[in-house]
Amino acid sequence: MPLTGPITVTGGGPDIADGVYTVVLTAIDGPKSITPQRGPNAGQTVTIFDWTFEILDGDYGGSTLRGTTSAASGPRSKMYAWLTALLGGTPPQEGRVLEEDELLGQVCLATVQRDDSGWPRIEQLAGLPAHMRANAFSQQMGLPQQPPPQQQAPSAPTSARSAPVAPGAAQRARPAPSAGQRASTGPTASYQQQAPPDDDLPF
């Protein structure tokens, strides 16, 4: 068949700068078998999944990111780390079966870094705090976003003379924190800290 149009040479990948982005999972393709031509598994048949994400925020909102994991889903695998991020930072229990519709539409944080060929790679996924997950969903649905939860101000030191108590109000004594115990100042965001995965894929 003859060439039906000109060939345009493009860059190494989408023009996405290194950084951390809020992304939503839009597609999962697999499992499928490939034979890598480089890396520790070169020449061996491996089973993989392809994951497609869309950036939700910033100048690159609407851009597509793609990543690949092996089919291994144990606690030290790349897939396990990604599933944990998509589930809000909660590791899936052993034996849990996840259907596609449970994962599509889930949001997380993606750390993106260009490789030597200029292609933006997903280096890591991390779970989002609850209020950020809610706002990402609201953004997709066109709903107003909620402000982040405000941290509780540290309580004032107890003085020798207490302020008057309103009539009928019960005055509750609060035990002082024990030595070495740090008082909580409010809700904290639970980000997932991930160990390097053991996948030996060259991508």
Protein backbone atom coordinates (compact mmCIF):
# COMPACT_ATOMS: atom_id res chain seq x y z
CA MET A 1 0.00 0.00 0.00
CA PRO A 2 1.48 3.43 -0.91
CA LEU A 3 2.09 6.09 1.70
CA THR A 4 -1.10 8.11 2.10
CA GLY A 5 0.37 11.09 3.97
CA PRO A 6 3.54 12.74 5.25
CA ILE A 7 5.50 11.42 8.20
CA THR A 8 6.05 13.83 11.07
CA VAL A 9 8.93 13.11 13.44
CA THR A 10 7.90 13.85 17.04
CA GLY A 11 9.79 14.15 20.29
CA GLY A 12 10.60 11.36 22.69
CA GLY A 13 7.24 11.57 24.46
CA PRO A 14 4.45 13.86 25.64
CA ASP A 15 5.70 17.28 26.72
CA ILE A 16 5.19 16.68 30.45
CA ALA A 17 7.70 18.16 32.88
CA ASP A 18 9.14 16.23 35.80
CA GLY A 19 6.98 16.64 38.89
CA VAL A 20 4.18 15.24 41.02
CA TYR A 21 0.67 15.21 39.56
CA THR A 22 -2.82 14.18 40.60
CA VAL A 23 -3.89 11.47 38.16
CA VAL A 24 -6.93 9.28 37.56
CA LEU A 25 -6.76 5.73 36.23
CA THR A 26 -8.63 5.55 32.91
CA ALA A 27 -7.70 2.13 31.48
CA ILE A 28 -6.02 -1.19 32.29
CA ASP A 29 -4.86 -3.48 29.49
CA GLY A 30 -3.77 -7.04 30.19
CA PRO A 31 -2.56 -9.47 31.07
CA LYS A 32 -0.46 -9.99 27.97
CA SER A 33 2.89 -11.64 27.28
CA ILE A 34 5.96 -9.92 25.86
CA THR A 35 9.63 -10.77 25.37
CA PRO A 36 11.89 -7.86 26.49
CA GLN A 37 14.95 -7.20 24.34
CA ARG A 38 16.92 -5.54 27.16
CA GLY A 39 17.19 -5.62 30.90
CA PRO A 40 17.55 -8.57 33.29
CA ASN A 41 14.65 -10.45 31.66
CA ALA A 42 15.88 -10.01 28.06
CA GLY A 43 14.83 -12.93 25.90
CA GLN A 44 12.40 -14.28 28.50
CA THR A 45 8.63 -14.21 28.22
CA VAL A 46 6.99 -12.06 30.91
CA THR A 47 3.35 -11.23 31.60
CA ILE A 48 2.49 -7.54 31.98
CA PHE A 49 -0.33 -5.06 32.49
CA ASP A 50 -0.47 -1.63 30.82
CA TRP A 51 -1.96 1.20 32.90
CA THR A 52 -3.27 4.50 31.48
CA PHE A 53 -3.72 7.62 33.61
CA GLU A 54 -4.96 11.14 32.94
CA ILE A 55 -3.43 14.16 34.68
CA LEU A 56 -6.09 16.19 36.48
CA ASP A 57 -4.25 19.29 37.62
CA GLY A 58 -1.91 22.06 36.51
CA ASP A 59 -0.76 23.05 33.06
CA TYR A 60 -0.72 19.40 31.93
CA GLY A 61 -4.31 18.63 32.91
CA GLY A 62 -5.86 16.24 30.37
CA SER A 63 -2.49 14.78 29.33
CA THR A 64 -2.08 11.02 29.26
CA LEU A 65 0.49 9.01 31.18
CA ARG A 66 1.14 5.31 30.67
CA GLY A 67 3.00 2.79 32.76
CA THR A 68 3.62 -0.95 32.84
CA THR A 69 3.83 -3.48 35.62
CA SER A 70 4.46 -7.19 35.64
CA ALA A 71 1.62 -9.51 36.61
CA ALA A 72 3.32 -10.18 39.96
CA SER A 73 1.11 -8.83 42.76
CA GLY A 74 3.00 -9.78 45.93
CA PRO A 75 3.83 -7.22 48.63
CA ARG A 76 7.20 -6.30 47.06
CA SER A 77 5.92 -5.98 43.50
CA LYS A 78 5.35 -2.80 41.54
CA MET A 79 1.71 -3.74 40.95
CA TYR A 80 1.11 -4.08 44.68
CA ALA A 81 2.53 -0.58 45.26
CA TRP A 82 0.31 0.84 42.52
CA LEU A 83 -2.81 -0.93 43.84
CA THR A 84 -2.07 0.41 47.31
CA ALA A 85 -1.86 3.96 45.94
CA LEU A 86 -5.10 3.56 43.97
CA LEU A 87 -6.85 2.29 47.11
CA GLY A 88 -6.00 5.48 48.98
CA GLY A 89 -2.81 4.19 50.57
CA THR A 90 -4.46 1.08 52.05
CA PRO A 91 -2.59 -2.11 51.07
CA PRO A 92 -4.90 -4.78 49.62
CA GLN A 93 -5.28 -7.90 51.73
CA GLU A 94 -3.79 -11.15 50.49
CA GLY A 95 -6.31 -13.07 48.41
CA ARG A 96 -8.39 -10.01 47.53
CA VAL A 97 -9.76 -10.02 43.98
CA LEU A 98 -10.00 -6.57 42.38
CA GLU A 99 -12.28 -6.06 39.40
CA GLU A 100 -11.54 -3.45 36.75
CA ASP A 101 -14.50 -1.28 37.75
CA GLU A 102 -13.11 -1.05 41.31
CA LEU A 103 -9.92 0.56 40.01
CA LEU A 104 -10.99 2.71 37.05
CA GLY A 105 -11.67 6.26 38.17
CA GLN A 106 -9.48 6.00 41.25
CA VAL A 107 -7.12 8.93 41.84
CA CYS A 108 -3.61 9.08 43.28
CA LEU A 109 -0.37 11.05 43.08
CA ALA A 110 2.11 10.22 40.32
CA THR A 111 5.77 11.16 40.45
CA VAL A 112 6.86 11.69 36.84
CA GLN A 113 10.44 11.79 35.57
CA ARG A 114 11.76 11.71 32.03
CA ASP A 115 14.06 8.86 31.11
CA ASP A 116 17.19 9.09 28.96
CA SER A 117 15.11 9.02 25.78
CA GLY A 118 12.93 11.92 26.93
CA TRP A 119 9.87 9.81 27.69
CA PRO A 120 7.93 10.77 30.88
CA ARG A 121 7.88 7.74 33.16
CA ILE A 122 5.80 7.11 36.24
CA GLU A 123 8.46 6.60 38.89
CA GLN A 124 6.06 6.14 41.79
CA LEU A 125 2.39 6.27 42.72
CA ALA A 126 1.24 7.37 46.17
CA GLY A 127 -2.14 7.45 47.86
CA LEU A 128 -4.03 10.72 48.26
CA PRO A 129 -5.34 12.06 51.58
CA ALA A 130 -9.12 11.71 51.90
CA HIS A 131 -9.95 15.39 51.25
CA MET A 132 -7.79 15.43 48.10
CA ARG A 133 -9.50 12.28 46.80
CA ALA A 134 -12.88 13.92 47.41
CA ASN A 135 -11.82 17.09 45.61
CA ALA A 136 -10.45 15.11 42.65
CA PHE A 137 -13.82 13.36 42.34
CA SER A 138 -15.64 16.71 42.61
CA GLN A 139 -13.41 18.10 39.87
CA GLN A 140 -14.33 15.24 37.55
CA MET A 141 -18.05 15.72 38.30
CA GLY A 142 -17.96 19.52 38.07
CA LEU A 143 -18.89 19.93 41.74
CA PRO A 144 -17.54 22.59 44.14
CA GLN A 145 -14.41 21.55 45.98
CA GLN A 146 -14.07 21.41 49.74
CA PRO A 147 -11.28 23.21 51.63
CA PRO A 148 -8.68 21.03 53.37
CA PRO A 149 -9.43 20.17 56.99
CA GLN A 150 -8.04 22.73 59.38
CA GLN A 151 -5.63 21.57 62.00
CA GLN A 152 -6.70 21.97 65.59
CA ALA A 153 -4.83 24.75 67.35
CA PRO A 154 -2.63 23.59 70.24
CA SER A 155 -4.36 24.01 73.57
CA ALA A 156 -3.21 26.92 75.72
CA PRO A 157 -1.06 26.05 78.74
CA THR A 158 -3.00 25.55 81.94
CA SER A 159 -2.60 28.44 84.36
CA ALA A 160 -2.93 28.37 88.09
CA ARG A 161 -6.18 30.35 87.88
CA SER A 162 -8.86 28.89 85.65
CA ALA A 163 -11.25 31.03 83.65
CA PRO A 164 -14.86 31.15 84.83
CA VAL A 165 -17.10 28.35 83.60
CA ALA A 166 -20.46 29.19 82.12
CA PRO A 167 -23.43 28.09 84.24
CA GLY A 168 -24.44 24.51 83.50
CA ALA A 169 -21.27 23.71 81.54
CA ALA A 170 -19.33 20.64 82.60
CA GLN A 171 -15.63 21.24 83.08
CA ARG A 172 -13.65 18.19 81.90
CA ALA A 173 -10.16 17.66 83.11
CA ARG A 174 -7.68 16.67 80.44
CA PRO A 175 -4.77 14.47 81.51
CA ALA A 176 -1.36 15.93 80.64
CA PRO A 177 0.67 13.93 78.07
CA SER A 178 3.16 11.57 79.62
CA ALA A 179 6.91 12.10 79.23
CA GLY A 180 8.06 11.51 75.68
CA GLN A 181 4.47 11.53 74.32
CA ARG A 182 3.71 14.15 71.69
CA ALA A 183 0.20 15.59 71.65
CA SER A 184 -1.67 15.45 68.35
CA THR A 185 -2.38 18.79 66.73
CA GLY A 186 -5.06 17.55 64.35
CA PRO A 187 -5.60 15.16 61.46
CA THR A 188 -2.51 14.27 59.46
CA ALA A 189 -2.41 13.26 55.80
CA SER A 190 -1.61 9.60 55.34
CA TYR A 191 0.79 9.30 52.44
CA GLN A 192 2.05 5.93 51.35
CA GLN A 193 5.77 5.39 51.70
CA GLN A 194 6.86 2.82 49.16
CA ALA A 195 9.90 0.60 49.06
CA PRO A 196 11.51 0.11 45.65
CA PRO A 197 9.62 -2.66 43.82
CA ASP A 198 11.36 -5.87 42.89
CA ASP A 199 10.03 -5.96 39.32
CA ASP A 200 12.88 -6.48 36.88
CA LEU A 201 11.12 -4.94 33.91
CA PRO A 202 13.17 -2.58 31.74
CA PHE A 203 10.38 0.05 31.66
